[in-house]
Amino acid sequence: MFSLTSIMAHSGPVGLAVMAILALFSVMSWAIILAKWFSLRGLLYHNGQFINQFWQTKDLNLLLGPQNNISPSAQVFRDGVHEFERQKSKSKDKEDAFLVIERAMARSGRHEIKKAESQLPFLATIGAISPFIGLFGTVVGIMSSFMQIGQAGNANLTTVAPGIAEALLATALGLFAAIPAVMAYNMFQSRLRSLKGDLENFCLDLLAVLRSQQ
């Protein structure tokens, strides 16, 4: 019976490199997953809080304080109100001014979504390539088994077992790195779609409120 240490002791440099890469990917994947889970949870919570404050506050100037910095909707609100005040000081057509305000808020919303999406492409990359790196390690392990058979001149279990064990371990590590990364990526994309929908609806609501104050 082979232990993990004995498998690695019988592995060649290529197999060890594959396992090291997959182990590194797994650690990085879990670090991103944990950080992103707390980050998106906080963003959605504070975003919902700010939107509730927006509808409950009569004086919009009270919402411009720094206490709302963590909320994406708060940043869109600040950018929209600042652009609204800037357009008021210009002698422009009302519809043209609100078109500029709408674009400013849309640009701010895209920027907030882009910040929330940080590190997710790398997580998707880990989920996509880890099985293939594991498959490469599997091929290397199988090749090692055939070479051992050729050198020994027989195909008994003692000859082929180290290479087969190396191959299976590489496959397992590839799946271990890929499966959590893909599952987390899909979950985070679902939360980001929810956040994006909230921002789009908030932009429309804010634009309507600003129009009523013009």
N, C-alpha and C. Protein backbone atom coordinates (compact mmCIF):
# COMPACT_ATOMS: atom_id res chain seq x y z
N MET A 1 0.85 -1.20 0.00
CA MET A 1 0.00 0.00 0.00
C MET A 1 0.88 1.25 0.00
N PHE A 2 0.59 2.16 -0.93
CA PHE A 2 1.41 3.34 -1.08
C PHE A 2 0.82 4.51 -0.28
N SER A 3 1.66 5.22 0.43
CA SER A 3 1.25 6.45 1.09
C SER A 3 1.58 7.62 0.17
N LEU A 4 1.11 8.80 0.55
CA LEU A 4 1.37 9.99 -0.26
C LEU A 4 2.86 10.26 -0.37
N THR A 5 3.57 10.10 0.72
CA THR A 5 5.02 10.36 0.70
C THR A 5 5.76 9.35 -0.18
N SER A 6 5.32 8.10 -0.14
CA SER A 6 5.99 7.09 -0.96
C SER A 6 5.69 7.31 -2.44
N ILE A 7 4.48 7.77 -2.76
CA ILE A 7 4.16 8.08 -4.15
C ILE A 7 5.04 9.20 -4.66
N MET A 8 5.20 10.25 -3.86
CA MET A 8 6.02 11.37 -4.28
C MET A 8 7.50 10.99 -4.34
N ALA A 9 7.91 10.04 -3.46
CA ALA A 9 9.30 9.59 -3.49
C ALA A 9 9.61 8.82 -4.77
N HIS A 10 8.60 8.12 -5.33
CA HIS A 10 8.80 7.36 -6.56
C HIS A 10 8.53 8.21 -7.81
N SER A 11 8.05 9.44 -7.64
CA SER A 11 7.70 10.27 -8.79
C SER A 11 8.95 10.93 -9.37
N GLY A 12 8.92 11.13 -10.67
CA GLY A 12 10.00 11.82 -11.34
C GLY A 12 9.87 13.32 -11.21
N PRO A 13 10.83 14.08 -11.75
CA PRO A 13 10.80 15.55 -11.64
C PRO A 13 9.58 16.18 -12.31
N VAL A 14 9.16 15.61 -13.45
CA VAL A 14 7.99 16.15 -14.14
C VAL A 14 6.74 15.93 -13.32
N GLY A 15 6.58 14.73 -12.79
CA GLY A 15 5.42 14.44 -11.96
C GLY A 15 5.37 15.30 -10.71
N LEU A 16 6.53 15.51 -10.08
CA LEU A 16 6.59 16.35 -8.89
C LEU A 16 6.24 17.80 -9.23
N ALA A 17 6.71 18.27 -10.39
CA ALA A 17 6.40 19.63 -10.81
C ALA A 17 4.90 19.80 -11.04
N VAL A 18 4.28 18.80 -11.67
CA VAL A 18 2.84 18.84 -11.90
C VAL A 18 2.08 18.90 -10.57
N MET A 19 2.47 18.04 -9.64
CA MET A 19 1.80 18.02 -8.33
C MET A 19 1.99 19.33 -7.59
N ALA A 20 3.19 19.91 -7.67
CA ALA A 20 3.47 21.18 -6.99
C ALA A 20 2.61 22.29 -7.58
N ILE A 21 2.49 22.33 -8.91
CA ILE A 21 1.67 23.35 -9.56
C ILE A 21 0.22 23.22 -9.15
N LEU A 22 -0.29 21.99 -9.15
CA LEU A 22 -1.69 21.77 -8.79
C LEU A 22 -1.95 22.09 -7.31
N ALA A 23 -1.00 21.76 -6.45
CA ALA A 23 -1.15 22.10 -5.04
C ALA A 23 -1.15 23.62 -4.84
N LEU A 24 -0.28 24.31 -5.59
CA LEU A 24 -0.24 25.78 -5.53
C LEU A 24 -1.55 26.37 -6.03
N PHE A 25 -2.05 25.84 -7.14
CA PHE A 25 -3.34 26.30 -7.69
C PHE A 25 -4.47 26.11 -6.68
N SER A 26 -4.44 24.98 -5.99
CA SER A 26 -5.49 24.69 -5.02
C SER A 26 -5.46 25.69 -3.86
N VAL A 27 -4.26 25.98 -3.36
CA VAL A 27 -4.12 26.94 -2.26
C VAL A 27 -4.57 28.33 -2.71
N MET A 28 -4.13 28.75 -3.90
CA MET A 28 -4.51 30.07 -4.41
C MET A 28 -6.01 30.14 -4.67
N SER A 29 -6.57 29.04 -5.17
CA SER A 29 -8.01 29.00 -5.44
C SER A 29 -8.81 29.20 -4.16
N TRP A 30 -8.44 28.48 -3.11
CA TRP A 30 -9.17 28.60 -1.85
C TRP A 30 -8.98 29.98 -1.21
N ALA A 31 -7.80 30.56 -1.38
CA ALA A 31 -7.57 31.91 -0.86
C ALA A 31 -8.49 32.92 -1.56
N ILE A 32 -8.61 32.80 -2.89
CA ILE A 32 -9.49 33.69 -3.64
C ILE A 32 -10.95 33.44 -3.28
N ILE A 33 -11.32 32.16 -3.15
CA ILE A 33 -12.71 31.83 -2.82
C ILE A 33 -13.12 32.44 -1.49
N LEU A 34 -12.29 32.28 -0.46
CA LEU A 34 -12.63 32.81 0.85
C LEU A 34 -12.69 34.33 0.85
N ALA A 35 -11.68 34.96 0.22
CA ALA A 35 -11.65 36.42 0.18
C ALA A 35 -12.84 36.98 -0.60
N LYS A 36 -13.15 36.33 -1.72
CA LYS A 36 -14.23 36.83 -2.57
C LYS A 36 -15.59 36.57 -1.93
N TRP A 37 -15.72 35.49 -1.21
CA TRP A 37 -17.00 35.20 -0.55
C TRP A 37 -17.34 36.28 0.46
N PHE A 38 -16.37 36.64 1.30
CA PHE A 38 -16.60 37.70 2.29
C PHE A 38 -16.80 39.05 1.61
N SER A 39 -16.01 39.30 0.54
CA SER A 39 -16.11 40.59 -0.16
C SER A 39 -17.48 40.79 -0.80
N LEU A 40 -17.93 39.81 -1.57
CA LEU A 40 -19.22 39.95 -2.25
C LEU A 40 -20.39 39.94 -1.26
N ARG A 41 -20.25 39.16 -0.20
CA ARG A 41 -21.29 39.16 0.83
C ARG A 41 -21.43 40.56 1.42
N GLY A 42 -20.29 41.20 1.72
CA GLY A 42 -20.32 42.55 2.27
C GLY A 42 -20.87 43.57 1.29
N LEU A 43 -20.48 43.45 0.02
CA LEU A 43 -20.95 44.37 -1.00
C LEU A 43 -22.47 44.30 -1.16
N LEU A 44 -23.01 43.10 -1.23
CA LEU A 44 -24.46 42.95 -1.39
C LEU A 44 -25.21 43.46 -0.17
N TYR A 45 -24.66 43.20 1.01
CA TYR A 45 -25.32 43.64 2.24
C TYR A 45 -25.35 45.17 2.31
N HIS A 46 -24.19 45.80 2.14
CA HIS A 46 -24.11 47.25 2.23
C HIS A 46 -24.85 47.93 1.07
N ASN A 47 -24.86 47.27 -0.08
CA ASN A 47 -25.58 47.84 -1.21
C ASN A 47 -27.08 47.88 -0.92
N GLY A 48 -27.60 46.79 -0.36
CA GLY A 48 -29.01 46.76 0.01
C GLY A 48 -29.34 47.79 1.07
N GLN A 49 -28.42 47.94 2.03
CA GLN A 49 -28.63 48.94 3.08
C GLN A 49 -28.70 50.35 2.50
N PHE A 50 -27.80 50.65 1.58
CA PHE A 50 -27.79 52.00 1.01
C PHE A 50 -29.06 52.27 0.21
N ILE A 51 -29.50 51.30 -0.56
CA ILE A 51 -30.72 51.50 -1.36
C ILE A 51 -31.92 51.75 -0.44
N ASN A 52 -31.98 51.04 0.68
CA ASN A 52 -33.05 51.29 1.65
C ASN A 52 -32.95 52.70 2.22
N GLN A 53 -31.72 53.15 2.52
CA GLN A 53 -31.53 54.51 3.02
C GLN A 53 -31.93 55.54 1.96
N PHE A 54 -31.63 55.23 0.72
CA PHE A 54 -31.96 56.15 -0.37
C PHE A 54 -33.47 56.42 -0.42
N TRP A 55 -34.27 55.39 -0.27
CA TRP A 55 -35.72 55.56 -0.35
C TRP A 55 -36.30 56.14 0.94
N GLN A 56 -35.58 56.03 2.03
CA GLN A 56 -36.10 56.54 3.29
C GLN A 56 -35.63 57.96 3.62
N THR A 57 -34.65 58.47 2.84
CA THR A 57 -34.08 59.79 3.11
C THR A 57 -34.69 60.84 2.18
N LYS A 58 -35.14 61.93 2.77
CA LYS A 58 -35.71 63.01 1.96
C LYS A 58 -34.63 63.95 1.42
N ASP A 59 -33.58 64.17 2.20
CA ASP A 59 -32.48 65.03 1.77
C ASP A 59 -31.36 64.16 1.22
N LEU A 60 -31.18 64.19 -0.10
CA LEU A 60 -30.17 63.34 -0.73
C LEU A 60 -28.75 63.71 -0.32
N ASN A 61 -28.54 64.94 0.12
CA ASN A 61 -27.20 65.36 0.52
C ASN A 61 -26.69 64.57 1.73
N LEU A 62 -27.61 64.02 2.52
CA LEU A 62 -27.21 63.22 3.68
C LEU A 62 -26.56 61.90 3.28
N LEU A 63 -26.76 61.50 2.03
CA LEU A 63 -26.20 60.22 1.56
C LEU A 63 -24.83 60.37 0.92
N LEU A 64 -24.30 61.58 0.91
CA LEU A 64 -23.01 61.82 0.26
C LEU A 64 -21.84 61.62 1.20
N GLY A 65 -22.10 61.21 2.43
CA GLY A 65 -21.04 61.05 3.41
C GLY A 65 -20.14 59.85 3.13
N PRO A 66 -18.96 59.83 3.75
CA PRO A 66 -17.98 58.74 3.52
C PRO A 66 -18.39 57.41 4.12
N GLN A 67 -19.43 57.38 4.99
CA GLN A 67 -19.81 56.13 5.64
C GLN A 67 -20.38 55.12 4.65
N ASN A 68 -20.73 55.55 3.44
CA ASN A 68 -21.32 54.66 2.44
C ASN A 68 -20.32 54.25 1.36
N ASN A 69 -19.02 54.42 1.63
CA ASN A 69 -18.03 54.17 0.59
C ASN A 69 -18.02 52.73 0.10
N ILE A 70 -18.38 51.78 0.97
CA ILE A 70 -18.26 50.37 0.59
C ILE A 70 -19.35 49.94 -0.37
N SER A 71 -20.43 50.70 -0.47
CA SER A 71 -21.57 50.31 -1.31
C SER A 71 -21.36 50.76 -2.75
N PRO A 72 -21.49 49.85 -3.72
CA PRO A 72 -21.40 50.26 -5.13
C PRO A 72 -22.47 51.27 -5.51
N SER A 73 -23.68 51.10 -4.99
CA SER A 73 -24.76 52.05 -5.30
C SER A 73 -24.45 53.43 -4.74
N ALA A 74 -23.75 53.48 -3.60
CA ALA A 74 -23.37 54.78 -3.03
C ALA A 74 -22.41 55.51 -3.95
N GLN A 75 -21.47 54.76 -4.55
CA GLN A 75 -20.53 55.40 -5.47
C GLN A 75 -21.25 55.88 -6.73
N VAL A 76 -22.17 55.07 -7.24
CA VAL A 76 -22.97 55.49 -8.40
C VAL A 76 -23.79 56.72 -8.04
N PHE A 77 -24.34 56.74 -6.84
CA PHE A 77 -25.12 57.88 -6.37
C PHE A 77 -24.27 59.14 -6.34
N ARG A 78 -23.07 59.05 -5.76
CA ARG A 78 -22.20 60.22 -5.67
C ARG A 78 -21.82 60.73 -7.06
N ASP A 79 -21.46 59.82 -7.94
CA ASP A 79 -21.08 60.23 -9.29
C ASP A 79 -22.27 60.85 -10.02
N GLY A 80 -23.46 60.27 -9.83
CA GLY A 80 -24.64 60.81 -10.49
C GLY A 80 -25.01 62.19 -9.96
N VAL A 81 -24.98 62.36 -8.65
CA VAL A 81 -25.33 63.66 -8.06
C VAL A 81 -24.29 64.72 -8.43
N HIS A 82 -23.02 64.36 -8.41
CA HIS A 82 -21.99 65.32 -8.78
C HIS A 82 -22.14 65.75 -10.24
N GLU A 83 -22.44 64.80 -11.11
CA GLU A 83 -22.65 65.14 -12.52
C GLU A 83 -23.91 65.99 -12.68
N PHE A 84 -24.93 65.69 -11.87
CA PHE A 84 -26.17 66.47 -11.89
C PHE A 84 -25.89 67.92 -11.51
N GLU A 85 -25.11 68.13 -10.45
CA GLU A 85 -24.76 69.48 -10.02
C GLU A 85 -23.90 70.19 -11.06
N ARG A 86 -23.03 69.44 -11.69
CA ARG A 86 -22.16 70.04 -12.72
C ARG A 86 -22.97 70.47 -13.94
N GLN A 87 -23.94 69.65 -14.31
CA GLN A 87 -24.77 69.98 -15.47
C GLN A 87 -25.71 71.16 -15.17
N LYS A 88 -26.11 71.31 -13.90
CA LYS A 88 -26.98 72.43 -13.53
C LYS A 88 -26.29 73.77 -13.72
N SER A 89 -24.96 73.77 -13.57
CA SER A 89 -24.21 75.02 -13.71
C SER A 89 -23.97 75.40 -15.17
N LYS A 90 -24.35 74.51 -16.07
CA LYS A 90 -24.16 74.77 -17.50
C LYS A 90 -25.49 75.11 -18.14
N SER A 91 -25.43 75.90 -19.17
CA SER A 91 -26.65 76.24 -19.92
C SER A 91 -26.83 75.24 -21.05
N LYS A 92 -27.25 74.04 -20.69
CA LYS A 92 -27.44 72.98 -21.68
C LYS A 92 -28.90 72.57 -21.72
N ASP A 93 -29.28 71.96 -22.81
CA ASP A 93 -30.62 71.42 -22.93
C ASP A 93 -30.83 70.35 -21.85
N LYS A 94 -32.03 70.31 -21.29
CA LYS A 94 -32.32 69.41 -20.18
C LYS A 94 -32.11 67.95 -20.57
N GLU A 95 -32.58 67.55 -21.73
CA GLU A 95 -32.44 66.15 -22.16
C GLU A 95 -30.99 65.80 -22.40
N ASP A 96 -30.24 66.72 -22.98
CA ASP A 96 -28.81 66.47 -23.19
C ASP A 96 -28.08 66.33 -21.87
N ALA A 97 -28.47 67.16 -20.90
CA ALA A 97 -27.83 67.10 -19.58
C ALA A 97 -28.10 65.76 -18.91
N PHE A 98 -29.33 65.28 -18.98
CA PHE A 98 -29.65 64.01 -18.33
C PHE A 98 -29.06 62.83 -19.08
N LEU A 99 -28.82 63.00 -20.37
CA LEU A 99 -28.13 61.94 -21.10
C LEU A 99 -26.70 61.81 -20.60
N VAL A 100 -26.05 62.94 -20.32
CA VAL A 100 -24.69 62.92 -19.78
C VAL A 100 -24.69 62.32 -18.38
N ILE A 101 -25.69 62.68 -17.57
CA ILE A 101 -25.79 62.14 -16.21
C ILE A 101 -26.00 60.63 -16.25
N GLU A 102 -26.86 60.19 -17.14
CA GLU A 102 -27.12 58.74 -17.27
C GLU A 102 -25.86 57.99 -17.67
N ARG A 103 -25.09 58.56 -18.59
CA ARG A 103 -23.85 57.91 -19.01
C ARG A 103 -22.83 57.90 -17.89
N ALA A 104 -22.79 58.96 -17.10
CA ALA A 104 -21.86 59.01 -15.97
C ALA A 104 -22.19 57.93 -14.95
N MET A 105 -23.47 57.73 -14.67
CA MET A 105 -23.87 56.70 -13.72
C MET A 105 -23.61 55.31 -14.28
N ALA A 106 -23.87 55.12 -15.57
CA ALA A 106 -23.61 53.81 -16.19
C ALA A 106 -22.12 53.50 -16.16
N ARG A 107 -21.29 54.50 -16.43
CA ARG A 107 -19.85 54.30 -16.38
C ARG A 107 -19.39 53.97 -14.97
N SER A 108 -19.96 54.66 -13.97
CA SER A 108 -19.63 54.38 -12.58
C SER A 108 -20.06 52.96 -12.20
N GLY A 109 -21.24 52.54 -12.65
CA GLY A 109 -21.72 51.19 -12.35
C GLY A 109 -20.83 50.12 -12.95
N ARG A 110 -20.39 50.34 -14.19
CA ARG A 110 -19.48 49.37 -14.83
C ARG A 110 -18.17 49.29 -14.08
N HIS A 111 -17.70 50.43 -13.59
CA HIS A 111 -16.44 50.45 -12.84
C HIS A 111 -16.58 49.67 -11.53
N GLU A 112 -17.71 49.81 -10.86
CA GLU A 112 -17.94 49.09 -9.61
C GLU A 112 -18.04 47.58 -9.84
N ILE A 113 -18.70 47.19 -10.92
CA ILE A 113 -18.80 45.77 -11.26
C ILE A 113 -17.43 45.21 -11.60
N LYS A 114 -16.64 45.99 -12.32
CA LYS A 114 -15.29 45.55 -12.68
C LYS A 114 -14.44 45.33 -11.44
N LYS A 115 -14.58 46.21 -10.45
CA LYS A 115 -13.84 46.02 -9.20
C LYS A 115 -14.31 44.77 -8.47
N ALA A 116 -15.63 44.54 -8.48
CA ALA A 116 -16.17 43.35 -7.80
C ALA A 116 -15.74 42.06 -8.49
N GLU A 117 -15.45 42.14 -9.79
CA GLU A 117 -15.06 40.95 -10.56
C GLU A 117 -13.57 40.63 -10.45
N SER A 118 -12.82 41.46 -9.76
CA SER A 118 -11.37 41.25 -9.68
C SER A 118 -11.05 39.85 -9.14
N GLN A 119 -10.05 39.23 -9.73
CA GLN A 119 -9.54 37.89 -9.36
C GLN A 119 -10.43 36.75 -9.85
N LEU A 120 -11.65 37.04 -10.28
CA LEU A 120 -12.49 35.95 -10.77
C LEU A 120 -11.97 35.34 -12.07
N PRO A 121 -11.41 36.13 -13.00
CA PRO A 121 -10.83 35.48 -14.19
C PRO A 121 -9.74 34.48 -13.86
N PHE A 122 -8.93 34.78 -12.85
CA PHE A 122 -7.89 33.83 -12.45
C PHE A 122 -8.50 32.57 -11.87
N LEU A 123 -9.59 32.74 -11.10
CA LEU A 123 -10.29 31.58 -10.54
C LEU A 123 -10.85 30.71 -11.67
N ALA A 124 -11.41 31.36 -12.69
CA ALA A 124 -11.93 30.61 -13.84
C ALA A 124 -10.80 29.89 -14.58
N THR A 125 -9.65 30.53 -14.67
CA THR A 125 -8.49 29.90 -15.33
C THR A 125 -8.04 28.66 -14.58
N ILE A 126 -8.00 28.74 -13.26
CA ILE A 126 -7.62 27.57 -12.45
C ILE A 126 -8.61 26.43 -12.70
N GLY A 127 -9.91 26.75 -12.71
CA GLY A 127 -10.91 25.72 -12.94
C GLY A 127 -10.83 25.10 -14.31
N ALA A 128 -10.37 25.90 -15.29
CA ALA A 128 -10.33 25.40 -16.67
C ALA A 128 -9.09 24.56 -16.96
N ILE A 129 -7.94 24.98 -16.44
CA ILE A 129 -6.69 24.32 -16.85
C ILE A 129 -6.22 23.24 -15.89
N SER A 130 -6.71 23.26 -14.64
CA SER A 130 -6.22 22.26 -13.67
C SER A 130 -6.46 20.82 -14.11
N PRO A 131 -7.66 20.49 -14.65
CA PRO A 131 -7.84 19.09 -15.10
C PRO A 131 -6.87 18.70 -16.21
N PHE A 132 -6.51 19.64 -17.07
CA PHE A 132 -5.59 19.32 -18.16
C PHE A 132 -4.17 19.14 -17.64
N ILE A 133 -3.79 19.95 -16.64
CA ILE A 133 -2.47 19.74 -16.03
C ILE A 133 -2.44 18.40 -15.31
N GLY A 134 -3.56 18.07 -14.62
CA GLY A 134 -3.65 16.75 -13.99
C GLY A 134 -3.59 15.63 -15.01
N LEU A 135 -4.23 15.82 -16.16
CA LEU A 135 -4.18 14.81 -17.23
C LEU A 135 -2.76 14.64 -17.76
N PHE A 136 -2.04 15.75 -17.85
CA PHE A 136 -0.64 15.67 -18.27
C PHE A 136 0.16 14.84 -17.27
N GLY A 137 -0.08 15.09 -15.97
CA GLY A 137 0.59 14.28 -14.95
C GLY A 137 0.21 12.82 -15.03
N THR A 138 -1.06 12.56 -15.40
CA THR A 138 -1.51 11.17 -15.56
C THR A 138 -0.76 10.48 -16.70
N VAL A 139 -0.63 11.19 -17.80
CA VAL A 139 0.11 10.63 -18.95
C VAL A 139 1.55 10.35 -18.58
N VAL A 140 2.16 11.28 -17.84
CA VAL A 140 3.56 11.09 -17.42
C VAL A 140 3.67 9.85 -16.51
N GLY A 141 2.70 9.70 -15.60
CA GLY A 141 2.73 8.53 -14.72
C GLY A 141 2.58 7.21 -15.47
N ILE A 142 1.68 7.20 -16.45
CA ILE A 142 1.49 5.98 -17.25
C ILE A 142 2.75 5.67 -18.06
N MET A 143 3.35 6.72 -18.63
CA MET A 143 4.60 6.51 -19.37
C MET A 143 5.68 5.96 -18.46
N SER A 144 5.72 6.46 -17.21
CA SER A 144 6.71 5.95 -16.25
C SER A 144 6.49 4.47 -15.97
N SER A 145 5.20 4.07 -15.89
CA SER A 145 4.89 2.65 -15.65
C SER A 145 5.39 1.78 -16.80
N PHE A 146 5.14 2.22 -18.05
CA PHE A 146 5.59 1.44 -19.20
C PHE A 146 7.12 1.37 -19.27
N MET A 147 7.78 2.45 -18.89
CA MET A 147 9.24 2.42 -18.88
C MET A 147 9.75 1.43 -17.83
N GLN A 148 9.08 1.40 -16.67
CA GLN A 148 9.48 0.44 -15.64
C GLN A 148 9.26 -1.00 -16.10
N ILE A 149 8.14 -1.21 -16.83
CA ILE A 149 7.88 -2.55 -17.37
C ILE A 149 8.97 -2.94 -18.35
N GLY A 150 9.36 -1.99 -19.23
CA GLY A 150 10.39 -2.28 -20.21
C GLY A 150 11.73 -2.59 -19.57
N GLN A 151 12.06 -1.85 -18.51
CA GLN A 151 13.35 -2.08 -17.85
C GLN A 151 13.36 -3.38 -17.06
N ALA A 152 12.21 -3.70 -16.42
CA ALA A 152 12.15 -4.91 -15.61
C ALA A 152 11.88 -6.15 -16.44
N GLY A 153 11.26 -5.98 -17.60
CA GLY A 153 10.96 -7.12 -18.46
C GLY A 153 9.73 -7.89 -18.04
N ASN A 154 8.98 -7.38 -17.06
CA ASN A 154 7.73 -8.04 -16.65
C ASN A 154 6.76 -6.96 -16.17
N ALA A 155 5.50 -7.35 -16.05
CA ALA A 155 4.45 -6.40 -15.72
C ALA A 155 3.79 -6.75 -14.39
N ASN A 156 4.58 -7.08 -13.39
CA ASN A 156 3.97 -7.39 -12.09
C ASN A 156 3.57 -6.09 -11.37
N LEU A 157 2.82 -6.24 -10.28
CA LEU A 157 2.26 -5.09 -9.57
C LEU A 157 3.35 -4.20 -9.00
N THR A 158 4.42 -4.77 -8.53
CA THR A 158 5.50 -3.98 -7.95
C THR A 158 6.12 -3.04 -8.98
N THR A 159 6.13 -3.48 -10.22
CA THR A 159 6.73 -2.69 -11.29
C THR A 159 5.84 -1.53 -11.70
N VAL A 160 4.54 -1.79 -11.86
CA VAL A 160 3.65 -0.77 -12.44
C VAL A 160 2.98 0.10 -11.38
N ALA A 161 2.93 -0.37 -10.14
CA ALA A 161 2.16 0.36 -9.12
C ALA A 161 2.65 1.79 -8.87
N PRO A 162 3.96 2.06 -8.78
CA PRO A 162 4.39 3.45 -8.52
C PRO A 162 3.94 4.42 -9.60
N GLY A 163 4.08 4.03 -10.85
CA GLY A 163 3.67 4.92 -11.94
C GLY A 163 2.17 5.13 -11.98
N ILE A 164 1.40 4.06 -11.75
CA ILE A 164 -0.06 4.18 -11.73
C ILE A 164 -0.51 5.08 -10.58
N ALA A 165 0.12 4.88 -9.42
CA ALA A 165 -0.22 5.72 -8.27
C ALA A 165 0.08 7.19 -8.54
N GLU A 166 1.22 7.46 -9.18
CA GLU A 166 1.57 8.84 -9.55
C GLU A 166 0.54 9.42 -10.51
N ALA A 167 0.11 8.61 -11.47
CA ALA A 167 -0.87 9.07 -12.46
C ALA A 167 -2.21 9.41 -11.80
N LEU A 168 -2.66 8.52 -10.91
CA LEU A 168 -3.95 8.75 -10.25
C LEU A 168 -3.89 9.94 -9.30
N LEU A 169 -2.75 10.13 -8.63
CA LEU A 169 -2.61 11.27 -7.73
C LEU A 169 -2.66 12.59 -8.51
N ALA A 170 -2.02 12.62 -9.68
CA ALA A 170 -2.06 13.82 -10.51
C ALA A 170 -3.49 14.13 -10.94
N THR A 171 -4.23 13.08 -11.33
CA THR A 171 -5.64 13.27 -11.70
C THR A 171 -6.46 13.81 -10.54
N ALA A 172 -6.25 13.24 -9.35
CA ALA A 172 -7.00 13.66 -8.17
C ALA A 172 -6.68 15.11 -7.81
N LEU A 173 -5.41 15.48 -7.87
CA LEU A 173 -5.04 16.86 -7.55
C LEU A 173 -5.64 17.85 -8.55
N GLY A 174 -5.66 17.45 -9.82
CA GLY A 174 -6.27 18.32 -10.83
C GLY A 174 -7.74 18.56 -10.57
N LEU A 175 -8.45 17.50 -10.22
CA LEU A 175 -9.88 17.63 -9.91
C LEU A 175 -10.09 18.39 -8.61
N PHE A 176 -9.22 18.15 -7.63
CA PHE A 176 -9.34 18.83 -6.34
C PHE A 176 -9.16 20.34 -6.49
N ALA A 177 -8.30 20.75 -7.42
CA ALA A 177 -8.10 22.18 -7.66
C ALA A 177 -9.22 22.77 -8.51
N ALA A 178 -9.73 21.99 -9.48
CA ALA A 178 -10.67 22.53 -10.45
C ALA A 178 -12.10 22.62 -9.93
N ILE A 179 -12.57 21.57 -9.25
CA ILE A 179 -13.99 21.50 -8.87
C ILE A 179 -14.41 22.66 -7.95
N PRO A 180 -13.69 22.94 -6.85
CA PRO A 180 -14.09 24.09 -6.02
C PRO A 180 -14.01 25.41 -6.77
N ALA A 181 -13.00 25.55 -7.65
CA ALA A 181 -12.83 26.80 -8.39
C ALA A 181 -14.01 27.04 -9.32
N VAL A 182 -14.45 26.01 -10.04
CA VAL A 182 -15.58 26.16 -10.97
C VAL A 182 -16.87 26.43 -10.21
N MET A 183 -17.09 25.68 -9.13
CA MET A 183 -18.32 25.89 -8.35
C MET A 183 -18.36 27.30 -7.76
N ALA A 184 -17.24 27.75 -7.21
CA ALA A 184 -17.20 29.09 -6.61
C ALA A 184 -17.36 30.17 -7.69
N TYR A 185 -16.73 29.96 -8.84
CA TYR A 185 -16.84 30.95 -9.91
C TYR A 185 -18.30 31.11 -10.35
N ASN A 186 -19.00 30.02 -10.51
CA ASN A 186 -20.41 30.10 -10.91
C ASN A 186 -21.26 30.78 -9.83
N MET A 187 -20.97 30.47 -8.57
CA MET A 187 -21.71 31.10 -7.48
C MET A 187 -21.45 32.61 -7.45
N PHE A 188 -20.19 33.01 -7.62
CA PHE A 188 -19.85 34.43 -7.60
C PHE A 188 -20.46 35.15 -8.79
N GLN A 189 -20.50 34.50 -9.95
CA GLN A 189 -21.12 35.12 -11.12
C GLN A 189 -22.60 35.36 -10.88
N SER A 190 -23.25 34.44 -10.19
CA SER A 190 -24.66 34.62 -9.86
C SER A 190 -24.85 35.83 -8.95
N ARG A 191 -23.99 35.98 -7.96
CA ARG A 191 -24.08 37.13 -7.06
C ARG A 191 -23.77 38.43 -7.80
N LEU A 192 -22.83 38.38 -8.72
CA LEU A 192 -22.50 39.58 -9.48
C LEU A 192 -23.65 39.99 -10.40
N ARG A 193 -24.34 39.00 -10.97
CA ARG A 193 -25.51 39.34 -11.78
C ARG A 193 -26.58 40.01 -10.93
N SER A 194 -26.73 39.54 -9.71
CA SER A 194 -27.68 40.17 -8.79
C SER A 194 -27.26 41.60 -8.47
N LEU A 195 -25.98 41.79 -8.21
CA LEU A 195 -25.47 43.13 -7.93
C LEU A 195 -25.61 44.04 -9.14
N LYS A 196 -25.33 43.52 -10.31
CA LYS A 196 -25.46 44.31 -11.53
C LYS A 196 -26.90 44.73 -11.76
N GLY A 197 -27.84 43.80 -11.53
CA GLY A 197 -29.25 44.14 -11.68
C GLY A 197 -29.68 45.22 -10.69
N ASP A 198 -29.19 45.13 -9.45
CA ASP A 198 -29.51 46.15 -8.45
C ASP A 198 -28.97 47.51 -8.86
N LEU A 199 -27.75 47.53 -9.41
CA LEU A 199 -27.16 48.79 -9.83
C LEU A 199 -27.92 49.40 -11.01
N GLU A 200 -28.31 48.56 -11.96
CA GLU A 200 -29.05 49.08 -13.11
C GLU A 200 -30.40 49.66 -12.68
N ASN A 201 -31.09 48.95 -11.79
CA ASN A 201 -32.37 49.46 -11.30
C ASN A 201 -32.18 50.75 -10.49
N PHE A 202 -31.10 50.79 -9.71
CA PHE A 202 -30.85 51.98 -8.91
C PHE A 202 -30.53 53.17 -9.80
N CYS A 203 -29.79 52.95 -10.87
CA CYS A 203 -29.49 54.04 -11.81
C CYS A 203 -30.77 54.63 -12.39
N LEU A 204 -31.71 53.78 -12.77
CA LEU A 204 -32.98 54.25 -13.32
C LEU A 204 -33.78 55.01 -12.26
N ASP A 205 -33.78 54.50 -11.03
CA ASP A 205 -34.52 55.17 -9.96
C ASP A 205 -33.89 56.53 -9.62
N LEU A 206 -32.57 56.57 -9.54
CA LEU A 206 -31.89 57.83 -9.23
C LEU A 206 -32.11 58.85 -10.33
N LEU A 207 -32.06 58.39 -11.57
CA LEU A 207 -32.30 59.31 -12.69
C LEU A 207 -33.70 59.90 -12.62
N ALA A 208 -34.66 59.07 -12.25
CA ALA A 208 -36.06 59.56 -12.13
C ALA A 208 -36.18 60.59 -11.01
N VAL A 209 -35.49 60.31 -9.89
CA VAL A 209 -35.54 61.25 -8.76
C VAL A 209 -34.87 62.57 -9.14
N LEU A 210 -33.75 62.52 -9.83
CA LEU A 210 -33.06 63.75 -10.25
C LEU A 210 -33.88 64.54 -11.26
N ARG A 211 -34.58 63.84 -12.12
CA ARG A 211 -35.46 64.53 -13.08
C ARG A 211 -36.58 65.28 -12.35
N SER A 212 -37.08 64.68 -11.29
CA SER A 212 -38.17 65.33 -10.55
C SER A 212 -37.68 66.57 -9.80
N GLN A 213 -36.37 66.67 -9.58
CA GLN A 213 -35.83 67.82 -8.86
C GLN A 213 -35.36 68.91 -9.80
N GLN A 214 -35.37 68.66 -11.09
CA GLN A 214 -34.86 69.63 -12.07
C GLN A 214 -35.86 70.77 -12.23
